[in-house]
Amino acid sequence: MGNARRVIAILGAGGTLGTALSRTLAAEPDTDLVLSDLSQDALAQAEAALAGAAGAVATVQADVSDFAAVEHVVERTVDRFGRLDVLISNAGVLSPNGRIHNLGTQEWERAFRINVLGPVHGIRAAVPVMRAQRSGSIILTASVAGLTAWSHSSPYCVTKAGVIELAKVAAVEYARDNIRVNCVCPGTFLSAMHADLPAAAIDAVAAKHPLGLGSADDLVGAYSYLASDASRWTTGSAIVVDGGYAAP
């Protein structure tokens, strides 16, 4: 990326996937990280887990549904490190189970506010910095749910489909600025969200993935690729890492 050190900001850094991403990217050479999350406790845990990292690690609490808060993350990143090479928009929210006629406007608005406007805010905040640099990679976390239909999960499926399309449109809009925009579409991986599910439910979900259920560590390679110069000719793509869920 034409710079001695690489600076990566991660929105939604405190969850299971965010923690795995932070750990993997912090271990890569010449990389400084800015971690952001809604939860201060999750941020503190993520930072503590990186205590031995070779690069610098900073944290900024932020609600991705608030553009000013996301813009503040980018401003803090540039103030501290002088640039922003990679922005990973990883914050997301599941929706209550229910068929479309049983879900209220509030559930839909919450899903859009976090799952769609969150990455929109990330792009809006990062692009001015990356355009000035004439370089950058933006990585959005979508879902295989944006490519397939999950019954009783319409807000999640629709918003994640929106993230995939957002990555494509942004990729086309900013290609001439040498900014790449891609998304990763994970299948189901075990996280804190599954802690209360009975074993039978976990088994049923696993059965839909030909390779079985994955873990957050199975996903990080796609992000590592998109954050690196190895993906310099990759933009507008939706990289599916789903244990084969979408294949049948």
C-alpha atoms as a PDB file:
ATOM      1  CA  MET A   1       0.000   0.000   0.000  1.00  0.00           C
ATOM      2  CA  GLY A   2       2.985   2.240  -0.432  1.00  0.00           C
ATOM      3  CA  ASN A   3       3.434   2.805   3.296  1.00  0.00           C
ATOM      4  CA  ALA A   4       5.857   1.281   5.759  1.00  0.00           C
ATOM      5  CA  ARG A   5       3.033   0.451   8.168  1.00  0.00           C
ATOM      6  CA  ARG A   6      -0.566  -0.545   7.520  1.00  0.00           C
ATOM      7  CA  VAL A   7      -3.374   0.969   9.576  1.00  0.00           C
ATOM      8  CA  ILE A   8      -6.601  -1.005   9.975  1.00  0.00           C
ATOM      9  CA  ALA A   9      -9.784   0.151  11.734  1.00  0.00           C
ATOM     10  CA  ILE A  10     -12.356  -2.468  12.724  1.00  0.00           C
ATOM     11  CA  LEU A  11     -15.956  -1.524  13.509  1.00  0.00           C
ATOM     12  CA  GLY A  12     -17.646  -4.240  15.550  1.00  0.00           C
ATOM     13  CA  ALA A  13     -14.320  -5.460  16.915  1.00  0.00           C
ATOM     14  CA  GLY A  14     -15.655  -6.821  20.201  1.00  0.00           C
ATOM     15  CA  GLY A  15     -17.684  -9.845  19.128  1.00  0.00           C
ATOM     16  CA  THR A  16     -16.564 -13.380  18.312  1.00  0.00           C
ATOM     17  CA  LEU A  17     -15.610 -12.597  14.708  1.00  0.00           C
ATOM     18  CA  GLY A  18     -14.238  -9.148  15.549  1.00  0.00           C
ATOM     19  CA  THR A  19     -11.963 -10.632  18.200  1.00  0.00           C
ATOM     20  CA  ALA A  20     -10.688 -13.299  15.797  1.00  0.00           C
ATOM     21  CA  LEU A  21     -10.062 -10.645  13.135  1.00  0.00           C
ATOM     22  CA  SER A  22      -8.199  -8.416  15.561  1.00  0.00           C
ATOM     23  CA  ARG A  23      -6.010 -11.286  16.745  1.00  0.00           C
ATOM     24  CA  THR A  24      -5.128 -12.408  13.216  1.00  0.00           C
ATOM     25  CA  LEU A  25      -4.481  -8.964  11.755  1.00  0.00           C
ATOM     26  CA  ALA A  26      -2.466  -7.817  14.780  1.00  0.00           C
ATOM     27  CA  ALA A  27      -0.124 -10.753  14.160  1.00  0.00           C
ATOM     28  CA  GLU A  28       0.551  -9.670  10.577  1.00  0.00           C
ATOM     29  CA  PRO A  29       3.690  -7.607   9.908  1.00  0.00           C
ATOM     30  CA  ASP A  30       3.787  -3.821  10.261  1.00  0.00           C
ATOM     31  CA  THR A  31       0.121  -3.485  11.212  1.00  0.00           C
ATOM     32  CA  ASP A  32      -1.454  -1.007  13.635  1.00  0.00           C
ATOM     33  CA  LEU A  33      -5.079  -1.454  14.707  1.00  0.00           C
ATOM     34  CA  VAL A  34      -7.939   0.731  15.847  1.00  0.00           C
ATOM     35  CA  LEU A  35     -10.704  -1.330  17.431  1.00  0.00           C
ATOM     36  CA  SER A  36     -14.222   0.034  17.802  1.00  0.00           C
ATOM     37  CA  ASP A  37     -17.359  -1.448  19.308  1.00  0.00           C
ATOM     38  CA  LEU A  38     -20.587  -0.381  20.984  1.00  0.00           C
ATOM     39  CA  SER A  39     -19.581  -2.253  24.154  1.00  0.00           C
ATOM     40  CA  GLN A  40     -16.767  -0.756  26.195  1.00  0.00           C
ATOM     41  CA  ASP A  41     -16.360  -4.061  28.060  1.00  0.00           C
ATOM     42  CA  ALA A  42     -15.975  -6.011  24.807  1.00  0.00           C
ATOM     43  CA  LEU A  43     -13.405  -3.468  23.611  1.00  0.00           C
ATOM     44  CA  ALA A  44     -11.412  -3.777  26.819  1.00  0.00           C
ATOM     45  CA  GLN A  45     -11.367  -7.562  26.469  1.00  0.00           C
ATOM     46  CA  ALA A  46     -10.332  -7.358  22.813  1.00  0.00           C
ATOM     47  CA  GLU A  47      -7.520  -4.941  23.659  1.00  0.00           C
ATOM     48  CA  ALA A  48      -6.331  -7.093  26.559  1.00  0.00           C
ATOM     49  CA  ALA A  49      -6.175 -10.114  24.256  1.00  0.00           C
ATOM     50  CA  LEU A  50      -3.737  -8.189  22.042  1.00  0.00           C
ATOM     51  CA  ALA A  51      -1.404  -7.161  24.852  1.00  0.00           C
ATOM     52  CA  GLY A  52       1.549  -8.859  23.169  1.00  0.00           C
ATOM     53  CA  ALA A  53       0.889  -7.501  19.675  1.00  0.00           C
ATOM     54  CA  ALA A  54       3.882  -6.095  17.824  1.00  0.00           C
ATOM     55  CA  GLY A  55       1.892  -3.176  16.440  1.00  0.00           C
ATOM     56  CA  ALA A  56       0.053  -0.412  18.246  1.00  0.00           C
ATOM     57  CA  VAL A  57      -3.576  -0.949  19.279  1.00  0.00           C
ATOM     58  CA  ALA A  58      -6.062   1.834  20.026  1.00  0.00           C
ATOM     59  CA  THR A  59      -9.751   1.613  20.950  1.00  0.00           C
ATOM     60  CA  VAL A  60     -12.699   3.929  20.311  1.00  0.00           C
ATOM     61  CA  GLN A  61     -16.232   3.226  21.510  1.00  0.00           C
ATOM     62  CA  ALA A  62     -18.849   3.897  18.808  1.00  0.00           C
ATOM     63  CA  ASP A  63     -22.403   3.136  17.753  1.00  0.00           C
ATOM     64  CA  VAL A  64     -22.285   2.424  14.008  1.00  0.00           C
ATOM     65  CA  SER A  65     -25.848   3.653  13.529  1.00  0.00           C
ATOM     66  CA  ASP A  66     -24.569   7.164  14.373  1.00  0.00           C
ATOM     67  CA  PHE A  67     -22.554   8.655  11.513  1.00  0.00           C
ATOM     68  CA  ALA A  68     -20.815  11.201  13.753  1.00  0.00           C
ATOM     69  CA  ALA A  69     -19.578   8.371  15.987  1.00  0.00           C
ATOM     70  CA  VAL A  70     -18.155   6.431  13.016  1.00  0.00           C
ATOM     71  CA  GLU A  71     -16.583   9.590  11.639  1.00  0.00           C
ATOM     72  CA  HIS A  72     -14.971  10.077  15.059  1.00  0.00           C
ATOM     73  CA  VAL A  73     -13.401   6.596  14.827  1.00  0.00           C
ATOM     74  CA  VAL A  74     -11.815   7.518  11.492  1.00  0.00           C
ATOM     75  CA  GLU A  75     -10.682  10.914  12.815  1.00  0.00           C
ATOM     76  CA  ARG A  76      -9.064   9.285  15.853  1.00  0.00           C
ATOM     77  CA  THR A  77      -7.360   6.763  13.557  1.00  0.00           C
ATOM     78  CA  VAL A  78      -5.865   9.471  11.357  1.00  0.00           C
ATOM     79  CA  ASP A  79      -4.894  11.613  14.352  1.00  0.00           C
ATOM     80  CA  ARG A  80      -3.045   8.688  15.917  1.00  0.00           C
ATOM     81  CA  PHE A  81      -1.515   6.989  12.881  1.00  0.00           C
ATOM     82  CA  GLY A  82      -1.672   9.525  10.059  1.00  0.00           C
ATOM     83  CA  ARG A  83      -3.646   7.369   7.643  1.00  0.00           C
ATOM     84  CA  LEU A  84      -6.301   4.677   7.183  1.00  0.00           C
ATOM     85  CA  ASP A  85      -5.470   1.794   4.858  1.00  0.00           C
ATOM     86  CA  VAL A  86      -8.235  -0.682   5.678  1.00  0.00           C
ATOM     87  CA  LEU A  87     -11.687  -0.243   7.181  1.00  0.00           C
ATOM     88  CA  ILE A  88     -13.553  -3.384   8.236  1.00  0.00           C
ATOM     89  CA  SER A  89     -17.265  -2.836   8.892  1.00  0.00           C
ATOM     90  CA  ASN A  90     -18.207  -5.831  11.014  1.00  0.00           C
ATOM     91  CA  ALA A  91     -20.964  -4.614  13.349  1.00  0.00           C
ATOM     92  CA  GLY A  92     -24.301  -6.342  12.831  1.00  0.00           C
ATOM     93  CA  VAL A  93     -27.458  -7.444  14.556  1.00  0.00           C
ATOM     94  CA  LEU A  94     -29.741 -10.446  14.234  1.00  0.00           C
ATOM     95  CA  SER A  95     -33.508  -9.948  14.117  1.00  0.00           C
ATOM     96  CA  PRO A  96     -36.224 -11.605  16.191  1.00  0.00           C
ATOM     97  CA  ASN A  97     -37.583 -14.836  14.718  1.00  0.00           C
ATOM     98  CA  GLY A  98     -40.882 -14.339  12.949  1.00  0.00           C
ATOM     99  CA  ARG A  99     -42.631 -14.351   9.604  1.00  0.00           C
ATOM    100  CA  ILE A 100     -42.889 -11.037   7.803  1.00  0.00           C
ATOM    101  CA  HIS A 101     -46.463 -10.286   8.921  1.00  0.00           C
ATOM    102  CA  ASN A 102     -45.462 -10.779  12.568  1.00  0.00           C
ATOM    103  CA  LEU A 103     -42.491  -8.421  12.570  1.00  0.00           C
ATOM    104  CA  GLY A 104     -43.083  -4.770  13.359  1.00  0.00           C
ATOM    105  CA  THR A 105     -41.606  -1.666  11.787  1.00  0.00           C
ATOM    106  CA  GLN A 106     -39.308  -1.288  14.779  1.00  0.00           C
ATOM    107  CA  GLU A 107     -37.557  -4.611  14.054  1.00  0.00           C
ATOM    108  CA  TRP A 108     -37.053  -3.650  10.425  1.00  0.00           C
ATOM    109  CA  GLU A 109     -35.742  -0.185  11.254  1.00  0.00           C
ATOM    110  CA  ARG A 110     -33.262  -1.551  13.799  1.00  0.00           C
ATOM    111  CA  ALA A 111     -31.910  -4.050  11.247  1.00  0.00           C
ATOM    112  CA  PHE A 112     -31.493  -1.352   8.599  1.00  0.00           C
ATOM    113  CA  ARG A 113     -30.011   1.169  11.024  1.00  0.00           C
ATOM    114  CA  ILE A 114     -27.218  -1.193  12.092  1.00  0.00           C
ATOM    115  CA  ASN A 115     -26.758  -3.680   9.238  1.00  0.00           C
ATOM    116  CA  VAL A 116     -27.086  -1.254   6.318  1.00  0.00           C
ATOM    117  CA  LEU A 117     -26.500   2.277   7.617  1.00  0.00           C
ATOM    118  CA  GLY A 118     -23.581   1.002   9.717  1.00  0.00           C
ATOM    119  CA  PRO A 119     -21.513   0.073   6.650  1.00  0.00           C
ATOM    120  CA  VAL A 120     -22.828   3.122   4.774  1.00  0.00           C
ATOM    121  CA  HIS A 121     -21.490   5.294   7.594  1.00  0.00           C
ATOM    122  CA  GLY A 122     -18.184   3.432   7.479  1.00  0.00           C
ATOM    123  CA  ILE A 123     -17.826   4.082   3.760  1.00  0.00           C
ATOM    124  CA  ARG A 124     -18.828   7.740   4.094  1.00  0.00           C
ATOM    125  CA  ALA A 125     -16.295   8.277   6.884  1.00  0.00           C
ATOM    126  CA  ALA A 126     -13.398   6.374   5.276  1.00  0.00           C
ATOM    127  CA  VAL A 127     -13.682   7.526   1.668  1.00  0.00           C
ATOM    128  CA  PRO A 128     -12.469  11.136   2.127  1.00  0.00           C
ATOM    129  CA  VAL A 129      -9.298   9.891   3.841  1.00  0.00           C
ATOM    130  CA  MET A 130      -8.701   7.110   1.324  1.00  0.00           C
ATOM    131  CA  ARG A 131      -9.368   9.371  -1.674  1.00  0.00           C
ATOM    132  CA  ALA A 132      -6.723  11.799  -0.409  1.00  0.00           C
ATOM    133  CA  GLN A 133      -4.300   8.863  -0.033  1.00  0.00           C
ATOM    134  CA  ARG A 134      -5.297   7.437  -3.425  1.00  0.00           C
ATOM    135  CA  SER A 135      -5.517   4.012  -1.800  1.00  0.00           C
ATOM    136  CA  GLY A 136      -7.626   1.941   0.559  1.00  0.00           C
ATOM    137  CA  SER A 137      -9.569  -1.255   1.105  1.00  0.00           C
ATOM    138  CA  ILE A 138     -13.038  -1.348   2.649  1.00  0.00           C
ATOM    139  CA  ILE A 139     -14.356  -4.726   3.788  1.00  0.00           C
ATOM    140  CA  LEU A 140     -17.995  -5.217   4.774  1.00  0.00           C
ATOM    141  CA  THR A 141     -19.346  -8.213   6.672  1.00  0.00           C
ATOM    142  CA  ALA A 142     -22.417  -9.472   4.832  1.00  0.00           C
ATOM    143  CA  SER A 143     -23.780 -13.026   5.219  1.00  0.00           C
ATOM    144  CA  VAL A 144     -24.732 -16.076   3.214  1.00  0.00           C
ATOM    145  CA  ALA A 145     -28.209 -15.005   4.403  1.00  0.00           C
ATOM    146  CA  GLY A 146     -27.931 -12.208   1.846  1.00  0.00           C
ATOM    147  CA  LEU A 147     -27.640 -14.799  -0.919  1.00  0.00           C
ATOM    148  CA  THR A 148     -30.131 -17.408   0.327  1.00  0.00           C
ATOM    149  CA  ALA A 149     -33.562 -17.276   1.970  1.00  0.00           C
ATOM    150  CA  TRP A 150     -33.852 -17.983   5.685  1.00  0.00           C
ATOM    151  CA  SER A 151     -37.422 -18.406   6.856  1.00  0.00           C
ATOM    152  CA  HIS A 152     -38.432 -16.262   9.847  1.00  0.00           C
ATOM    153  CA  SER A 153     -35.361 -14.023   9.318  1.00  0.00           C
ATOM    154  CA  SER A 154     -36.495 -11.511   6.700  1.00  0.00           C
ATOM    155  CA  PRO A 155     -34.933  -8.315   8.147  1.00  0.00           C
ATOM    156  CA  TYR A 156     -31.567 -10.020   8.498  1.00  0.00           C
ATOM    157  CA  CYS A 157     -31.661 -11.552   4.997  1.00  0.00           C
ATOM    158  CA  VAL A 158     -32.836  -8.350   3.325  1.00  0.00           C
ATOM    159  CA  THR A 159     -30.303  -6.120   5.073  1.00  0.00           C
ATOM    160  CA  LYS A 160     -27.414  -8.486   4.362  1.00  0.00           C
ATOM    161  CA  ALA A 161     -28.440  -8.605   0.693  1.00  0.00           C
ATOM    162  CA  GLY A 162     -28.277  -4.821   0.864  1.00  0.00           C
ATOM    163  CA  VAL A 163     -24.715  -4.974   2.193  1.00  0.00           C
ATOM    164  CA  ILE A 164     -23.652  -7.111  -0.782  1.00  0.00           C
ATOM    165  CA  GLU A 165     -25.154  -4.615  -3.213  1.00  0.00           C
ATOM    166  CA  LEU A 166     -23.652  -1.697  -1.266  1.00  0.00           C
ATOM    167  CA  ALA A 167     -20.188  -3.208  -1.701  1.00  0.00           C
ATOM    168  CA  LYS A 168     -20.747  -3.548  -5.450  1.00  0.00           C
ATOM    169  CA  VAL A 169     -21.993   0.016  -5.939  1.00  0.00           C
ATOM    170  CA  ALA A 170     -19.230   1.476  -3.761  1.00  0.00           C
ATOM    171  CA  ALA A 171     -16.636  -0.588  -5.636  1.00  0.00           C
ATOM    172  CA  VAL A 172     -17.774   0.923  -8.935  1.00  0.00           C
ATOM    173  CA  GLU A 173     -18.010   4.462  -7.544  1.00  0.00           C
ATOM    174  CA  TYR A 174     -14.546   4.542  -5.960  1.00  0.00           C
ATOM    175  CA  ALA A 175     -12.436   2.356  -8.267  1.00  0.00           C
ATOM    176  CA  ARG A 176     -10.892   5.404  -9.936  1.00  0.00           C
ATOM    177  CA  ASP A 177      -9.799   6.615  -6.502  1.00  0.00           C
ATOM    178  CA  ASN A 178      -7.954   3.307  -6.062  1.00  0.00           C
ATOM    179  CA  ILE A 179     -10.305   2.314  -3.236  1.00  0.00           C
ATOM    180  CA  ARG A 180     -11.442  -1.296  -3.245  1.00  0.00           C
ATOM    181  CA  VAL A 181     -14.722  -2.342  -1.616  1.00  0.00           C
ATOM    182  CA  ASN A 182     -15.612  -5.983  -1.017  1.00  0.00           C
ATOM    183  CA  CYS A 183     -17.677  -8.039   1.371  1.00  0.00           C
ATOM    184  CA  VAL A 184     -17.390 -11.400   3.093  1.00  0.00           C
ATOM    185  CA  CYS A 185     -20.451 -13.642   3.344  1.00  0.00           C
ATOM    186  CA  PRO A 186     -20.030 -15.998   6.317  1.00  0.00           C
ATOM    187  CA  GLY A 187     -22.110 -19.057   6.916  1.00  0.00           C
ATOM    188  CA  THR A 188     -23.104 -19.919  10.465  1.00  0.00           C
ATOM    189  CA  PHE A 189     -20.226 -20.025  12.919  1.00  0.00           C
ATOM    190  CA  LEU A 190     -20.481 -20.636  16.629  1.00  0.00           C
ATOM    191  CA  SER A 191     -20.511 -17.511  18.780  1.00  0.00           C
ATOM    192  CA  ALA A 192     -22.000 -16.178  21.989  1.00  0.00           C
ATOM    193  CA  MET A 193     -25.325 -15.806  20.172  1.00  0.00           C
ATOM    194  CA  HIS A 194     -25.654 -19.591  20.067  1.00  0.00           C
ATOM    195  CA  ALA A 195     -24.905 -20.191  23.754  1.00  0.00           C
ATOM    196  CA  ASP A 196     -28.559 -20.654  24.718  1.00  0.00           C
ATOM    197  CA  LEU A 197     -29.552 -22.854  21.788  1.00  0.00           C
ATOM    198  CA  PRO A 198     -30.258 -26.527  22.520  1.00  0.00           C
ATOM    199  CA  ALA A 199     -27.890 -29.084  21.006  1.00  0.00           C
ATOM    200  CA  ALA A 200     -30.602 -30.282  18.621  1.00  0.00           C
ATOM    201  CA  ALA A 201     -30.925 -26.796  17.138  1.00  0.00           C
ATOM    202  CA  ILE A 202     -27.161 -26.521  16.684  1.00  0.00           C
ATOM    203  CA  ASP A 203     -27.119 -29.940  15.004  1.00  0.00           C
ATOM    204  CA  ALA A 204     -29.919 -28.901  12.649  1.00  0.00           C
ATOM    205  CA  VAL A 205     -27.993 -25.813  11.566  1.00  0.00           C
ATOM    206  CA  ALA A 206     -24.761 -27.783  11.211  1.00  0.00           C
ATOM    207  CA  ALA A 207     -26.512 -30.302   8.957  1.00  0.00           C
ATOM    208  CA  LYS A 208     -27.180 -27.523   6.425  1.00  0.00           C
ATOM    209  CA  HIS A 209     -23.432 -26.883   6.059  1.00  0.00           C
ATOM    210  CA  PRO A 210     -21.743 -29.687   4.071  1.00  0.00           C
ATOM    211  CA  LEU A 211     -18.445 -29.029   5.878  1.00  0.00           C
ATOM    212  CA  GLY A 212     -20.223 -28.665   9.223  1.00  0.00           C
ATOM    213  CA  LEU A 213     -20.359 -25.585  11.411  1.00  0.00           C
ATOM    214  CA  GLY A 214     -17.391 -23.277  11.229  1.00  0.00           C
ATOM    215  CA  SER A 215     -15.688 -21.028  13.733  1.00  0.00           C
ATOM    216  CA  ALA A 216     -14.665 -17.387  13.510  1.00  0.00           C
ATOM    217  CA  ASP A 217     -11.100 -18.538  12.841  1.00  0.00           C
ATOM    218  CA  ASP A 218     -12.320 -20.192   9.627  1.00  0.00           C
ATOM    219  CA  LEU A 219     -13.419 -16.797   8.317  1.00  0.00           C
ATOM    220  CA  VAL A 220     -10.440 -14.577   8.976  1.00  0.00           C
ATOM    221  CA  GLY A 221      -8.450 -15.706   5.913  1.00  0.00           C
ATOM    222  CA  ALA A 222     -10.906 -13.963   3.591  1.00  0.00           C
ATOM    223  CA  TYR A 223     -10.522 -10.683   5.493  1.00  0.00           C
ATOM    224  CA  SER A 224      -6.744 -11.052   5.619  1.00  0.00           C
ATOM    225  CA  TYR A 225      -6.725 -11.485   1.828  1.00  0.00           C
ATOM    226  CA  LEU A 226      -8.959  -8.457   1.211  1.00  0.00           C
ATOM    227  CA  ALA A 227      -6.869  -6.338   3.591  1.00  0.00           C
ATOM    228  CA  SER A 228      -3.659  -7.189   1.734  1.00  0.00           C
ATOM    229  CA  ASP A 229      -2.062  -6.242  -1.561  1.00  0.00           C
ATOM    230  CA  ALA A 230      -2.732  -9.801  -2.745  1.00  0.00           C
ATOM    231  CA  SER A 231      -6.298  -8.613  -3.464  1.00  0.00           C
ATOM    232  CA  ARG A 232      -5.249  -5.474  -5.340  1.00  0.00           C
ATOM    233  CA  TRP A 233      -7.347  -6.505  -8.398  1.00  0.00           C
ATOM    234  CA  THR A 234     -10.351  -7.637  -6.368  1.00  0.00           C
ATOM    235  CA  THR A 235     -13.231  -5.225  -5.890  1.00  0.00           C
ATOM    236  CA  GLY A 236     -17.017  -5.487  -5.811  1.00  0.00           C
ATOM    237  CA  SER A 237     -16.800  -9.123  -4.799  1.00  0.00           C
ATOM    238  CA  ALA A 238     -18.772 -11.107  -2.231  1.00  0.00           C
ATOM    239  CA  ILE A 239     -16.454 -13.802  -0.921  1.00  0.00           C
ATOM    240  CA  VAL A 240     -18.556 -16.673   0.403  1.00  0.00           C
ATOM    241  CA  VAL A 241     -17.066 -18.585   3.352  1.00  0.00           C
ATOM    242  CA  ASP A 242     -19.924 -20.818   4.417  1.00  0.00           C
ATOM    243  CA  GLY A 243     -18.863 -24.449   4.679  1.00  0.00           C
ATOM    244  CA  GLY A 244     -20.813 -25.106   1.482  1.00  0.00           C
ATOM    245  CA  TYR A 245     -24.172 -23.837   2.794  1.00  0.00           C
ATOM    246  CA  ALA A 246     -25.057 -22.004  -0.439  1.00  0.00           C
ATOM    247  CA  ALA A 247     -23.774 -24.734  -2.767  1.00  0.00           C
ATOM    248  CA  PRO A 248     -26.799 -27.112  -2.991  1.00  0.00           C
END
